[in-house]
Amino acid sequence: MRGGRRAGRGTVVVHLFLEEPAQASTARAGFVVSKAIGNAVVRNKVRRRLRHLVRPLLADLPAGSLLVVRALPPASEASFATLGGDLAAALAAARKPRRPR
């Protein structure tokens, strides 16, 4: 993920790798929900919510893209709308081209 882009918002951090591998498949997503979020019930609830929110966003990404969504501790108490807004904003920020240094 070093070659990718990272953007964070209040409840999530998004790592996006846009370069296409040799065999371009559909965009894929992975989720990191650590024990800092809460017990197993809370972690699975956050993971299910994120998976549901990411599914329609994958269609907008180029083929072969890799997306990793890392939940932050405030995600355990966030509403579905808050998670969705933070995820969309972080993904939009990660997709923007970098400014030259």
N, C-alpha and C. Protein backbone atom coordinates (compact mmCIF):
# COMPACT_ATOMS: atom_id res chain seq x y z
N MET A 1 0.81 -1.20 0.00
CA MET A 1 0.00 0.00 0.00
C MET A 1 0.85 1.26 0.00
N ARG A 2 2.17 1.10 -0.01
CA ARG A 2 3.02 2.29 0.00
C ARG A 2 2.82 3.15 -1.24
N GLY A 3 2.50 2.53 -2.37
CA GLY A 3 2.32 3.28 -3.59
C GLY A 3 0.93 3.85 -3.73
N GLY A 4 0.04 3.52 -2.80
CA GLY A 4 -1.34 3.98 -2.87
C GLY A 4 -1.54 5.32 -2.20
N ARG A 5 -2.79 5.65 -2.02
CA ARG A 5 -3.16 6.91 -1.39
C ARG A 5 -3.95 6.62 -0.12
N ARG A 6 -3.83 7.51 0.85
CA ARG A 6 -4.52 7.33 2.12
C ARG A 6 -5.26 8.60 2.46
N ALA A 7 -6.46 8.43 2.99
CA ALA A 7 -7.25 9.56 3.45
C ALA A 7 -8.08 9.10 4.64
N GLY A 8 -8.20 9.96 5.62
CA GLY A 8 -8.95 9.61 6.81
C GLY A 8 -10.01 10.62 7.14
N ARG A 9 -11.04 10.15 7.80
CA ARG A 9 -12.10 10.99 8.34
C ARG A 9 -12.34 10.53 9.77
N GLY A 10 -13.35 11.01 10.42
CA GLY A 10 -13.57 10.76 11.83
C GLY A 10 -13.68 9.30 12.25
N THR A 11 -14.28 8.47 11.41
CA THR A 11 -14.52 7.07 11.81
C THR A 11 -13.75 6.06 10.99
N VAL A 12 -13.20 6.46 9.84
CA VAL A 12 -12.49 5.49 8.98
C VAL A 12 -11.25 6.11 8.36
N VAL A 13 -10.33 5.24 7.98
CA VAL A 13 -9.17 5.61 7.17
C VAL A 13 -9.22 4.71 5.94
N VAL A 14 -9.06 5.30 4.77
CA VAL A 14 -9.15 4.57 3.50
C VAL A 14 -7.77 4.54 2.85
N HIS A 15 -7.34 3.36 2.46
CA HIS A 15 -6.10 3.18 1.69
C HIS A 15 -6.54 2.71 0.30
N LEU A 16 -6.13 3.43 -0.74
CA LEU A 16 -6.56 3.12 -2.10
C LEU A 16 -5.35 2.95 -3.00
N PHE A 17 -5.28 1.82 -3.66
CA PHE A 17 -4.21 1.53 -4.61
C PHE A 17 -4.85 1.42 -5.98
N LEU A 18 -4.59 2.42 -6.84
CA LEU A 18 -5.28 2.51 -8.13
C LEU A 18 -4.55 1.87 -9.29
N GLU A 19 -3.28 1.56 -9.15
CA GLU A 19 -2.55 1.01 -10.29
C GLU A 19 -3.05 -0.39 -10.60
N GLU A 20 -3.21 -0.63 -11.88
CA GLU A 20 -3.78 -1.91 -12.30
C GLU A 20 -2.71 -2.99 -12.34
N PRO A 21 -2.97 -4.15 -11.73
CA PRO A 21 -2.02 -5.26 -11.82
C PRO A 21 -2.06 -5.89 -13.21
N ALA A 22 -1.21 -6.87 -13.44
CA ALA A 22 -1.12 -7.51 -14.76
C ALA A 22 -2.46 -8.09 -15.19
N GLN A 23 -3.16 -8.72 -14.27
CA GLN A 23 -4.48 -9.26 -14.58
C GLN A 23 -5.53 -8.37 -13.92
N ALA A 24 -6.07 -7.47 -14.69
CA ALA A 24 -7.04 -6.53 -14.13
C ALA A 24 -8.36 -7.24 -13.89
N SER A 25 -8.75 -7.33 -12.64
CA SER A 25 -10.05 -7.89 -12.28
C SER A 25 -10.91 -6.75 -11.76
N THR A 26 -12.02 -7.08 -11.18
CA THR A 26 -12.86 -6.04 -10.62
C THR A 26 -12.18 -5.46 -9.38
N ALA A 27 -12.62 -4.31 -8.96
CA ALA A 27 -12.06 -3.68 -7.76
C ALA A 27 -12.39 -4.54 -6.54
N ARG A 28 -11.44 -4.59 -5.60
CA ARG A 28 -11.63 -5.41 -4.41
C ARG A 28 -11.49 -4.54 -3.17
N ALA A 29 -12.12 -4.98 -2.08
CA ALA A 29 -12.07 -4.24 -0.83
C ALA A 29 -11.75 -5.18 0.32
N GLY A 30 -11.02 -4.65 1.29
CA GLY A 30 -10.72 -5.38 2.51
C GLY A 30 -11.00 -4.47 3.70
N PHE A 31 -11.22 -5.08 4.85
CA PHE A 31 -11.60 -4.31 6.03
C PHE A 31 -10.71 -4.67 7.20
N VAL A 32 -10.30 -3.66 7.96
CA VAL A 32 -9.50 -3.85 9.16
C VAL A 32 -10.32 -3.26 10.31
N VAL A 33 -10.76 -4.14 11.20
CA VAL A 33 -11.54 -3.71 12.36
C VAL A 33 -10.87 -4.36 13.56
N SER A 34 -10.05 -3.59 14.28
CA SER A 34 -9.24 -4.14 15.36
C SER A 34 -10.03 -4.26 16.66
N LYS A 35 -9.39 -4.85 17.65
CA LYS A 35 -10.03 -5.02 18.95
C LYS A 35 -10.23 -3.69 19.67
N ALA A 36 -9.58 -2.64 19.19
CA ALA A 36 -9.79 -1.31 19.78
C ALA A 36 -11.21 -0.82 19.55
N ILE A 37 -11.90 -1.38 18.57
CA ILE A 37 -13.27 -1.00 18.25
C ILE A 37 -14.23 -1.48 19.34
N GLY A 38 -14.00 -2.69 19.82
CA GLY A 38 -14.89 -3.26 20.83
C GLY A 38 -14.83 -4.78 20.81
N ASN A 39 -15.81 -5.40 21.42
CA ASN A 39 -15.83 -6.86 21.44
C ASN A 39 -16.25 -7.41 20.08
N ALA A 40 -16.33 -8.72 19.96
CA ALA A 40 -16.59 -9.36 18.67
C ALA A 40 -17.92 -8.94 18.06
N VAL A 41 -18.93 -8.77 18.88
CA VAL A 41 -20.24 -8.37 18.38
C VAL A 41 -20.17 -6.98 17.75
N VAL A 42 -19.51 -6.07 18.40
CA VAL A 42 -19.39 -4.70 17.89
C VAL A 42 -18.53 -4.67 16.64
N ARG A 43 -17.41 -5.40 16.66
CA ARG A 43 -16.53 -5.43 15.48
C ARG A 43 -17.26 -5.98 14.27
N ASN A 44 -18.02 -7.05 14.44
CA ASN A 44 -18.75 -7.63 13.31
C ASN A 44 -19.85 -6.69 12.81
N LYS A 45 -20.49 -5.96 13.73
CA LYS A 45 -21.51 -5.00 13.30
C LYS A 45 -20.89 -3.89 12.46
N VAL A 46 -19.74 -3.38 12.90
CA VAL A 46 -19.05 -2.33 12.13
C VAL A 46 -18.61 -2.89 10.79
N ARG A 47 -18.07 -4.10 10.76
CA ARG A 47 -17.62 -4.71 9.50
C ARG A 47 -18.79 -4.91 8.53
N ARG A 48 -19.93 -5.37 9.03
CA ARG A 48 -21.11 -5.56 8.17
C ARG A 48 -21.59 -4.23 7.60
N ARG A 49 -21.62 -3.20 8.44
CA ARG A 49 -22.04 -1.88 7.96
C ARG A 49 -21.10 -1.35 6.88
N LEU A 50 -19.80 -1.47 7.13
CA LEU A 50 -18.82 -0.99 6.14
C LEU A 50 -18.93 -1.77 4.84
N ARG A 51 -19.08 -3.09 4.92
CA ARG A 51 -19.20 -3.90 3.72
C ARG A 51 -20.42 -3.47 2.90
N HIS A 52 -21.53 -3.20 3.58
CA HIS A 52 -22.75 -2.77 2.90
C HIS A 52 -22.55 -1.40 2.24
N LEU A 53 -21.81 -0.51 2.89
CA LEU A 53 -21.58 0.83 2.35
C LEU A 53 -20.58 0.83 1.20
N VAL A 54 -19.61 -0.07 1.23
CA VAL A 54 -18.55 -0.09 0.21
C VAL A 54 -19.04 -0.73 -1.09
N ARG A 55 -19.94 -1.69 -1.00
CA ARG A 55 -20.36 -2.44 -2.18
C ARG A 55 -20.75 -1.56 -3.37
N PRO A 56 -21.61 -0.55 -3.22
CA PRO A 56 -21.93 0.28 -4.40
C PRO A 56 -20.78 1.19 -4.82
N LEU A 57 -19.88 1.52 -3.91
CA LEU A 57 -18.76 2.40 -4.26
C LEU A 57 -17.70 1.69 -5.11
N LEU A 58 -17.64 0.36 -5.03
CA LEU A 58 -16.64 -0.39 -5.80
C LEU A 58 -16.87 -0.28 -7.30
N ALA A 59 -18.12 -0.11 -7.70
CA ALA A 59 -18.43 -0.02 -9.13
C ALA A 59 -17.81 1.23 -9.75
N ASP A 60 -17.59 2.27 -8.96
CA ASP A 60 -17.02 3.52 -9.47
C ASP A 60 -15.51 3.49 -9.58
N LEU A 61 -14.87 2.49 -8.98
CA LEU A 61 -13.40 2.41 -9.01
C LEU A 61 -12.93 1.69 -10.26
N PRO A 62 -11.75 2.02 -10.76
CA PRO A 62 -11.22 1.32 -11.94
C PRO A 62 -10.97 -0.15 -11.65
N ALA A 63 -10.97 -0.96 -12.71
CA ALA A 63 -10.71 -2.39 -12.56
C ALA A 63 -9.31 -2.60 -11.99
N GLY A 64 -9.21 -3.54 -11.08
CA GLY A 64 -7.92 -3.85 -10.48
C GLY A 64 -7.57 -3.02 -9.26
N SER A 65 -8.43 -2.10 -8.87
CA SER A 65 -8.16 -1.26 -7.71
C SER A 65 -8.27 -2.08 -6.42
N LEU A 66 -7.45 -1.70 -5.47
CA LEU A 66 -7.50 -2.33 -4.15
C LEU A 66 -7.87 -1.26 -3.13
N LEU A 67 -8.87 -1.54 -2.32
CA LEU A 67 -9.35 -0.61 -1.32
C LEU A 67 -9.30 -1.28 0.04
N VAL A 68 -8.66 -0.64 1.00
CA VAL A 68 -8.63 -1.14 2.37
C VAL A 68 -9.26 -0.08 3.25
N VAL A 69 -10.28 -0.49 4.00
CA VAL A 69 -10.99 0.42 4.89
C VAL A 69 -10.65 0.01 6.32
N ARG A 70 -10.05 0.95 7.06
CA ARG A 70 -9.68 0.69 8.45
C ARG A 70 -10.60 1.49 9.35
N ALA A 71 -11.31 0.79 10.23
CA ALA A 71 -12.24 1.45 11.14
C ALA A 71 -11.47 2.00 12.34
N LEU A 72 -11.83 3.19 12.76
CA LEU A 72 -11.26 3.82 13.94
C LEU A 72 -12.21 3.61 15.13
N PRO A 73 -11.73 3.73 16.36
CA PRO A 73 -12.59 3.48 17.52
C PRO A 73 -13.93 4.24 17.54
N PRO A 74 -14.02 5.48 17.06
CA PRO A 74 -15.34 6.13 17.05
C PRO A 74 -16.37 5.45 16.15
N ALA A 75 -15.93 4.54 15.27
CA ALA A 75 -16.86 3.85 14.37
C ALA A 75 -17.83 2.95 15.14
N SER A 76 -17.44 2.52 16.34
CA SER A 76 -18.30 1.62 17.10
C SER A 76 -19.58 2.32 17.56
N GLU A 77 -19.53 3.62 17.76
CA GLU A 77 -20.69 4.36 18.25
C GLU A 77 -21.32 5.23 17.17
N ALA A 78 -20.77 5.21 15.97
CA ALA A 78 -21.27 6.07 14.89
C ALA A 78 -22.52 5.49 14.28
N SER A 79 -23.38 6.36 13.80
CA SER A 79 -24.59 5.91 13.11
C SER A 79 -24.23 5.45 11.69
N PHE A 80 -25.19 4.78 11.07
CA PHE A 80 -24.98 4.29 9.71
C PHE A 80 -24.73 5.46 8.76
N ALA A 81 -25.45 6.55 8.94
CA ALA A 81 -25.30 7.72 8.07
C ALA A 81 -23.93 8.37 8.26
N THR A 82 -23.46 8.41 9.51
CA THR A 82 -22.14 8.99 9.78
C THR A 82 -21.04 8.15 9.14
N LEU A 83 -21.14 6.83 9.28
CA LEU A 83 -20.16 5.95 8.65
C LEU A 83 -20.17 6.14 7.13
N GLY A 84 -21.36 6.20 6.55
CA GLY A 84 -21.47 6.38 5.11
C GLY A 84 -20.88 7.70 4.63
N GLY A 85 -21.14 8.76 5.36
CA GLY A 85 -20.60 10.07 4.99
C GLY A 85 -19.09 10.11 5.10
N ASP A 86 -18.55 9.56 6.20
CA ASP A 86 -17.11 9.54 6.38
C ASP A 86 -16.42 8.68 5.33
N LEU A 87 -17.03 7.55 5.01
CA LEU A 87 -16.45 6.65 4.00
C LEU A 87 -16.44 7.31 2.63
N ALA A 88 -17.54 7.92 2.24
CA ALA A 88 -17.61 8.59 0.93
C ALA A 88 -16.62 9.76 0.85
N ALA A 89 -16.51 10.53 1.92
CA ALA A 89 -15.60 11.67 1.92
C ALA A 89 -14.15 11.21 1.87
N ALA A 90 -13.82 10.17 2.62
CA ALA A 90 -12.44 9.67 2.62
C ALA A 90 -12.08 9.07 1.26
N LEU A 91 -13.00 8.35 0.65
CA LEU A 91 -12.74 7.77 -0.67
C LEU A 91 -12.58 8.86 -1.73
N ALA A 92 -13.40 9.89 -1.65
CA ALA A 92 -13.28 11.00 -2.60
C ALA A 92 -11.93 11.71 -2.43
N ALA A 93 -11.50 11.88 -1.19
CA ALA A 93 -10.21 12.53 -0.94
C ALA A 93 -9.06 11.66 -1.44
N ALA A 94 -9.18 10.35 -1.29
CA ALA A 94 -8.12 9.45 -1.75
C ALA A 94 -8.05 9.38 -3.27
N ARG A 95 -9.16 9.61 -3.94
CA ARG A 95 -9.17 9.55 -5.41
C ARG A 95 -8.67 10.82 -6.06
N LYS A 96 -8.67 11.95 -5.32
CA LYS A 96 -8.20 13.21 -5.89
C LYS A 96 -6.71 13.10 -6.20
N PRO A 97 -6.27 13.70 -7.30
CA PRO A 97 -4.85 13.66 -7.61
C PRO A 97 -4.03 14.42 -6.56
N ARG A 98 -2.85 13.96 -6.37
CA ARG A 98 -1.97 14.60 -5.39
C ARG A 98 -1.47 15.93 -5.91
N ARG A 99 -1.26 16.85 -4.99
CA ARG A 99 -0.69 18.15 -5.37
C ARG A 99 0.81 17.99 -5.54
N PRO A 100 1.41 18.67 -6.49
CA PRO A 100 2.86 18.59 -6.63
C PRO A 100 3.55 19.25 -5.43
N ARG A 101 4.65 18.69 -5.05
CA ARG A 101 5.40 19.23 -3.89
C ARG A 101 6.34 20.32 -4.30
